[in-house]
Amino acid sequence: MPAPLPLPLPAVARELSELLVALSAARALPKGQQLHGHLLKAGHVPATASSHTLLGHHLLTFYARCALPDLSLRAFLDLPAPPSPAAWSSLISSFT
């Protein structure tokens, strides 16, 4: 029997993920921190479900691209265990 297909991300989580990707590319730190605060208040992070894991990873990547290793580490520690190789890569890149 084939493995079940993963459930699609809720529209809100997908839009927030895309916004984090755009903010990462622009290195827009104030707006990214504002979005992080919104994610915390709305309960989207720390990561607890697959859509939240994606948001958490994009948050980690955002802080890594802004060269903020302390905040990258905090986002990394909020990801569910075990972290993915991509999460490890993002964390390491924030320290280099």
N, C-alpha and C. Protein backbone atom coordinates (compact mmCIF):
# COMPACT_ATOMS: atom_id res chain seq x y z
N MET A 1 0.85 -1.18 0.00
CA MET A 1 0.00 0.00 0.00
C MET A 1 0.89 1.24 0.00
N PRO A 2 0.63 2.19 -0.90
CA PRO A 2 1.47 3.40 -0.95
C PRO A 2 1.27 4.26 0.29
N ALA A 3 2.31 5.02 0.58
CA ALA A 3 2.25 5.93 1.74
C ALA A 3 1.22 7.01 1.47
N PRO A 4 0.50 7.45 2.52
CA PRO A 4 -0.48 8.52 2.31
C PRO A 4 0.20 9.82 1.91
N LEU A 5 -0.48 10.57 1.09
CA LEU A 5 0.05 11.87 0.67
C LEU A 5 0.01 12.84 1.84
N PRO A 6 1.02 13.70 1.96
CA PRO A 6 0.99 14.69 3.05
C PRO A 6 -0.15 15.67 2.83
N LEU A 7 -0.71 16.13 3.91
CA LEU A 7 -1.78 17.11 3.83
C LEU A 7 -1.23 18.44 3.33
N PRO A 8 -1.98 19.17 2.52
CA PRO A 8 -1.48 20.47 2.06
C PRO A 8 -1.39 21.46 3.22
N LEU A 9 -0.46 22.37 3.09
CA LEU A 9 -0.32 23.39 4.11
C LEU A 9 -1.54 24.29 4.12
N PRO A 10 -1.98 24.70 5.28
CA PRO A 10 -3.06 25.70 5.30
C PRO A 10 -2.62 26.95 4.57
N ALA A 11 -3.58 27.61 3.97
CA ALA A 11 -3.27 28.79 3.15
C ALA A 11 -2.52 29.85 3.95
N VAL A 12 -2.89 30.06 5.19
CA VAL A 12 -2.23 31.10 6.00
C VAL A 12 -0.77 30.74 6.23
N ALA A 13 -0.50 29.48 6.55
CA ALA A 13 0.89 29.07 6.78
C ALA A 13 1.71 29.20 5.51
N ARG A 14 1.12 28.87 4.37
CA ARG A 14 1.83 28.98 3.11
C ARG A 14 2.16 30.44 2.80
N GLU A 15 1.20 31.34 3.03
CA GLU A 15 1.44 32.76 2.78
C GLU A 15 2.48 33.33 3.72
N LEU A 16 2.42 32.93 4.99
CA LEU A 16 3.42 33.41 5.94
C LEU A 16 4.81 32.89 5.59
N SER A 17 4.88 31.64 5.11
CA SER A 17 6.16 31.09 4.68
C SER A 17 6.73 31.88 3.51
N GLU A 18 5.88 32.19 2.54
CA GLU A 18 6.34 32.96 1.39
C GLU A 18 6.80 34.36 1.81
N LEU A 19 6.11 34.94 2.77
CA LEU A 19 6.51 36.26 3.27
C LEU A 19 7.87 36.19 3.96
N LEU A 20 8.10 35.15 4.74
CA LEU A 20 9.40 34.99 5.39
C LEU A 20 10.52 34.80 4.37
N VAL A 21 10.23 34.06 3.30
CA VAL A 21 11.23 33.87 2.25
C VAL A 21 11.57 35.22 1.61
N ALA A 22 10.56 36.02 1.32
CA ALA A 22 10.79 37.34 0.71
C ALA A 22 11.58 38.25 1.65
N LEU A 23 11.24 38.23 2.93
CA LEU A 23 11.96 39.06 3.89
C LEU A 23 13.40 38.59 4.05
N SER A 24 13.61 37.28 3.95
CA SER A 24 14.98 36.74 4.02
C SER A 24 15.80 37.23 2.85
N ALA A 25 15.22 37.19 1.67
CA ALA A 25 15.94 37.63 0.48
C ALA A 25 16.28 39.11 0.56
N ALA A 26 15.39 39.90 1.12
CA ALA A 26 15.60 41.35 1.24
C ALA A 26 16.41 41.72 2.48
N ARG A 27 16.64 40.75 3.36
CA ARG A 27 17.32 41.00 4.65
C ARG A 27 16.65 42.14 5.40
N ALA A 28 15.32 42.10 5.40
CA ALA A 28 14.51 43.15 6.03
C ALA A 28 14.30 42.80 7.51
N LEU A 29 15.30 43.10 8.32
CA LEU A 29 15.29 42.71 9.72
C LEU A 29 14.11 43.26 10.52
N PRO A 30 13.81 44.56 10.49
CA PRO A 30 12.69 45.06 11.31
C PRO A 30 11.35 44.41 10.95
N LYS A 31 11.08 44.25 9.65
CA LYS A 31 9.82 43.63 9.23
C LYS A 31 9.79 42.15 9.61
N GLY A 32 10.93 41.49 9.48
CA GLY A 32 11.01 40.08 9.85
C GLY A 32 10.78 39.86 11.33
N GLN A 33 11.35 40.73 12.15
CA GLN A 33 11.14 40.63 13.59
C GLN A 33 9.69 40.92 13.95
N GLN A 34 9.08 41.84 13.22
CA GLN A 34 7.66 42.13 13.45
C GLN A 34 6.81 40.90 13.10
N LEU A 35 7.14 40.24 11.99
CA LEU A 35 6.40 39.03 11.60
C LEU A 35 6.64 37.92 12.62
N HIS A 36 7.87 37.80 13.13
CA HIS A 36 8.16 36.80 14.15
C HIS A 36 7.29 37.03 15.39
N GLY A 37 7.14 38.28 15.80
CA GLY A 37 6.27 38.58 16.93
C GLY A 37 4.83 38.17 16.66
N HIS A 38 4.37 38.41 15.44
CA HIS A 38 3.02 38.00 15.05
C HIS A 38 2.88 36.48 15.11
N LEU A 39 3.91 35.76 14.61
CA LEU A 39 3.88 34.30 14.64
C LEU A 39 3.83 33.77 16.07
N LEU A 40 4.57 34.41 16.96
CA LEU A 40 4.55 33.99 18.36
C LEU A 40 3.17 34.22 18.99
N LYS A 41 2.61 35.41 18.76
CA LYS A 41 1.30 35.73 19.33
C LYS A 41 0.21 34.83 18.79
N ALA A 42 0.30 34.46 17.51
CA ALA A 42 -0.72 33.63 16.87
C ALA A 42 -0.52 32.15 17.18
N GLY A 43 0.59 31.79 17.82
CA GLY A 43 0.84 30.40 18.18
C GLY A 43 1.40 29.55 17.04
N HIS A 44 1.93 30.18 15.99
CA HIS A 44 2.48 29.42 14.87
C HIS A 44 3.88 28.90 15.16
N VAL A 45 4.60 29.51 16.04
CA VAL A 45 5.91 29.03 16.47
C VAL A 45 5.93 29.10 17.99
N PRO A 46 6.59 28.25 18.72
CA PRO A 46 7.46 27.17 18.29
C PRO A 46 6.71 26.13 17.47
N ALA A 47 7.48 25.41 16.67
CA ALA A 47 6.93 24.47 15.71
C ALA A 47 6.33 23.24 16.41
N THR A 48 5.11 22.91 16.03
CA THR A 48 4.47 21.72 16.58
C THR A 48 3.87 20.83 15.51
N ALA A 49 3.58 21.36 14.35
CA ALA A 49 3.00 20.59 13.25
C ALA A 49 3.82 20.84 12.00
N SER A 50 3.53 20.10 10.94
CA SER A 50 4.36 20.22 9.74
C SER A 50 4.35 21.63 9.17
N SER A 51 3.20 22.30 9.16
CA SER A 51 3.17 23.67 8.64
C SER A 51 3.96 24.60 9.53
N HIS A 52 3.91 24.34 10.84
CA HIS A 52 4.66 25.17 11.77
C HIS A 52 6.15 24.88 11.67
N THR A 53 6.50 23.63 11.35
CA THR A 53 7.90 23.29 11.15
C THR A 53 8.46 24.08 9.99
N LEU A 54 7.69 24.19 8.92
CA LEU A 54 8.12 24.96 7.76
C LEU A 54 8.32 26.43 8.14
N LEU A 55 7.38 26.99 8.89
CA LEU A 55 7.53 28.38 9.34
C LEU A 55 8.76 28.54 10.20
N GLY A 56 8.99 27.58 11.10
CA GLY A 56 10.16 27.64 11.96
C GLY A 56 11.45 27.59 11.18
N HIS A 57 11.48 26.75 10.13
CA HIS A 57 12.69 26.67 9.32
C HIS A 57 12.91 27.96 8.54
N HIS A 58 11.85 28.54 8.01
CA HIS A 58 12.01 29.81 7.29
C HIS A 58 12.44 30.93 8.25
N LEU A 59 11.98 30.88 9.47
CA LEU A 59 12.41 31.86 10.48
C LEU A 59 13.89 31.68 10.78
N LEU A 60 14.34 30.45 10.91
CA LEU A 60 15.76 30.16 11.13
C LEU A 60 16.59 30.70 9.96
N THR A 61 16.14 30.45 8.74
CA THR A 61 16.85 30.92 7.56
C THR A 61 16.89 32.44 7.51
N PHE A 62 15.78 33.07 7.89
CA PHE A 62 15.73 34.54 7.91
C PHE A 62 16.81 35.10 8.82
N TYR A 63 16.88 34.60 10.05
CA TYR A 63 17.89 35.12 10.98
C TYR A 63 19.31 34.77 10.54
N ALA A 64 19.49 33.60 9.91
CA ALA A 64 20.81 33.23 9.41
C ALA A 64 21.25 34.19 8.31
N ARG A 65 20.34 34.54 7.40
CA ARG A 65 20.68 35.45 6.30
C ARG A 65 20.92 36.87 6.80
N CYS A 66 20.33 37.21 7.94
CA CYS A 66 20.56 38.54 8.53
C CYS A 66 21.80 38.53 9.42
N ALA A 67 22.53 37.42 9.43
CA ALA A 67 23.77 37.26 10.21
C ALA A 67 23.55 37.49 11.70
N LEU A 68 22.49 36.87 12.22
CA LEU A 68 22.19 36.93 13.65
C LEU A 68 22.21 35.51 14.23
N PRO A 69 23.41 35.01 14.57
CA PRO A 69 23.52 33.62 15.01
C PRO A 69 22.76 33.33 16.31
N ASP A 70 22.67 34.28 17.21
CA ASP A 70 21.95 34.02 18.47
C ASP A 70 20.47 33.76 18.21
N LEU A 71 19.87 34.58 17.35
CA LEU A 71 18.45 34.39 17.04
C LEU A 71 18.24 33.17 16.14
N SER A 72 19.22 32.86 15.29
CA SER A 72 19.15 31.64 14.49
C SER A 72 19.14 30.42 15.40
N LEU A 73 20.00 30.43 16.40
CA LEU A 73 20.07 29.31 17.34
C LEU A 73 18.75 29.16 18.10
N ARG A 74 18.17 30.27 18.51
CA ARG A 74 16.88 30.22 19.23
C ARG A 74 15.79 29.60 18.34
N ALA A 75 15.76 30.01 17.07
CA ALA A 75 14.77 29.44 16.13
C ALA A 75 15.07 27.96 15.90
N PHE A 76 16.34 27.60 15.83
CA PHE A 76 16.73 26.20 15.63
C PHE A 76 16.27 25.33 16.80
N LEU A 77 16.45 25.83 18.01
CA LEU A 77 16.07 25.07 19.20
C LEU A 77 14.56 24.91 19.32
N ASP A 78 13.79 25.78 18.67
CA ASP A 78 12.33 25.66 18.68
C ASP A 78 11.81 24.63 17.68
N LEU A 79 12.67 24.18 16.76
CA LEU A 79 12.24 23.17 15.79
C LEU A 79 12.09 21.82 16.48
N PRO A 80 11.18 20.98 15.99
CA PRO A 80 11.04 19.65 16.60
C PRO A 80 12.27 18.79 16.33
N ALA A 81 12.56 17.89 17.25
CA ALA A 81 13.72 17.01 17.09
C ALA A 81 13.30 15.80 16.26
N PRO A 82 14.15 15.24 15.48
CA PRO A 82 15.50 15.70 15.14
C PRO A 82 15.43 16.76 14.05
N PRO A 83 16.29 17.76 14.10
CA PRO A 83 16.30 18.79 13.06
C PRO A 83 16.74 18.21 11.71
N SER A 84 16.23 18.78 10.66
CA SER A 84 16.58 18.32 9.32
C SER A 84 17.99 18.77 8.95
N PRO A 85 18.60 18.11 7.97
CA PRO A 85 19.91 18.58 7.50
C PRO A 85 19.87 20.03 7.00
N ALA A 86 18.75 20.44 6.41
CA ALA A 86 18.63 21.82 5.94
C ALA A 86 18.66 22.79 7.12
N ALA A 87 18.04 22.41 8.23
CA ALA A 87 18.05 23.27 9.42
C ALA A 87 19.46 23.39 9.97
N TRP A 88 20.19 22.28 10.00
CA TRP A 88 21.59 22.31 10.45
C TRP A 88 22.42 23.22 9.55
N SER A 89 22.21 23.10 8.25
CA SER A 89 22.95 23.93 7.30
C SER A 89 22.68 25.41 7.51
N SER A 90 21.41 25.76 7.71
CA SER A 90 21.06 27.17 7.95
C SER A 90 21.71 27.67 9.23
N LEU A 91 21.67 26.85 10.27
CA LEU A 91 22.27 27.26 11.55
C LEU A 91 23.76 27.48 11.39
N ILE A 92 24.45 26.56 10.75
CA ILE A 92 25.90 26.68 10.58
C ILE A 92 26.25 27.91 9.75
N SER A 93 25.43 28.18 8.72
CA SER A 93 25.72 29.34 7.87
C SER A 93 25.58 30.65 8.62
N SER A 94 24.78 30.68 9.69
CA SER A 94 24.63 31.93 10.44
C SER A 94 25.88 32.26 11.24
N PHE A 95 26.71 31.26 11.51
CA PHE A 95 27.93 31.47 12.28
C PHE A 95 29.14 31.73 11.40
N THR A 96 28.97 31.66 10.08
CA THR A 96 30.14 31.85 9.20
C THR A 96 30.09 33.20 8.53
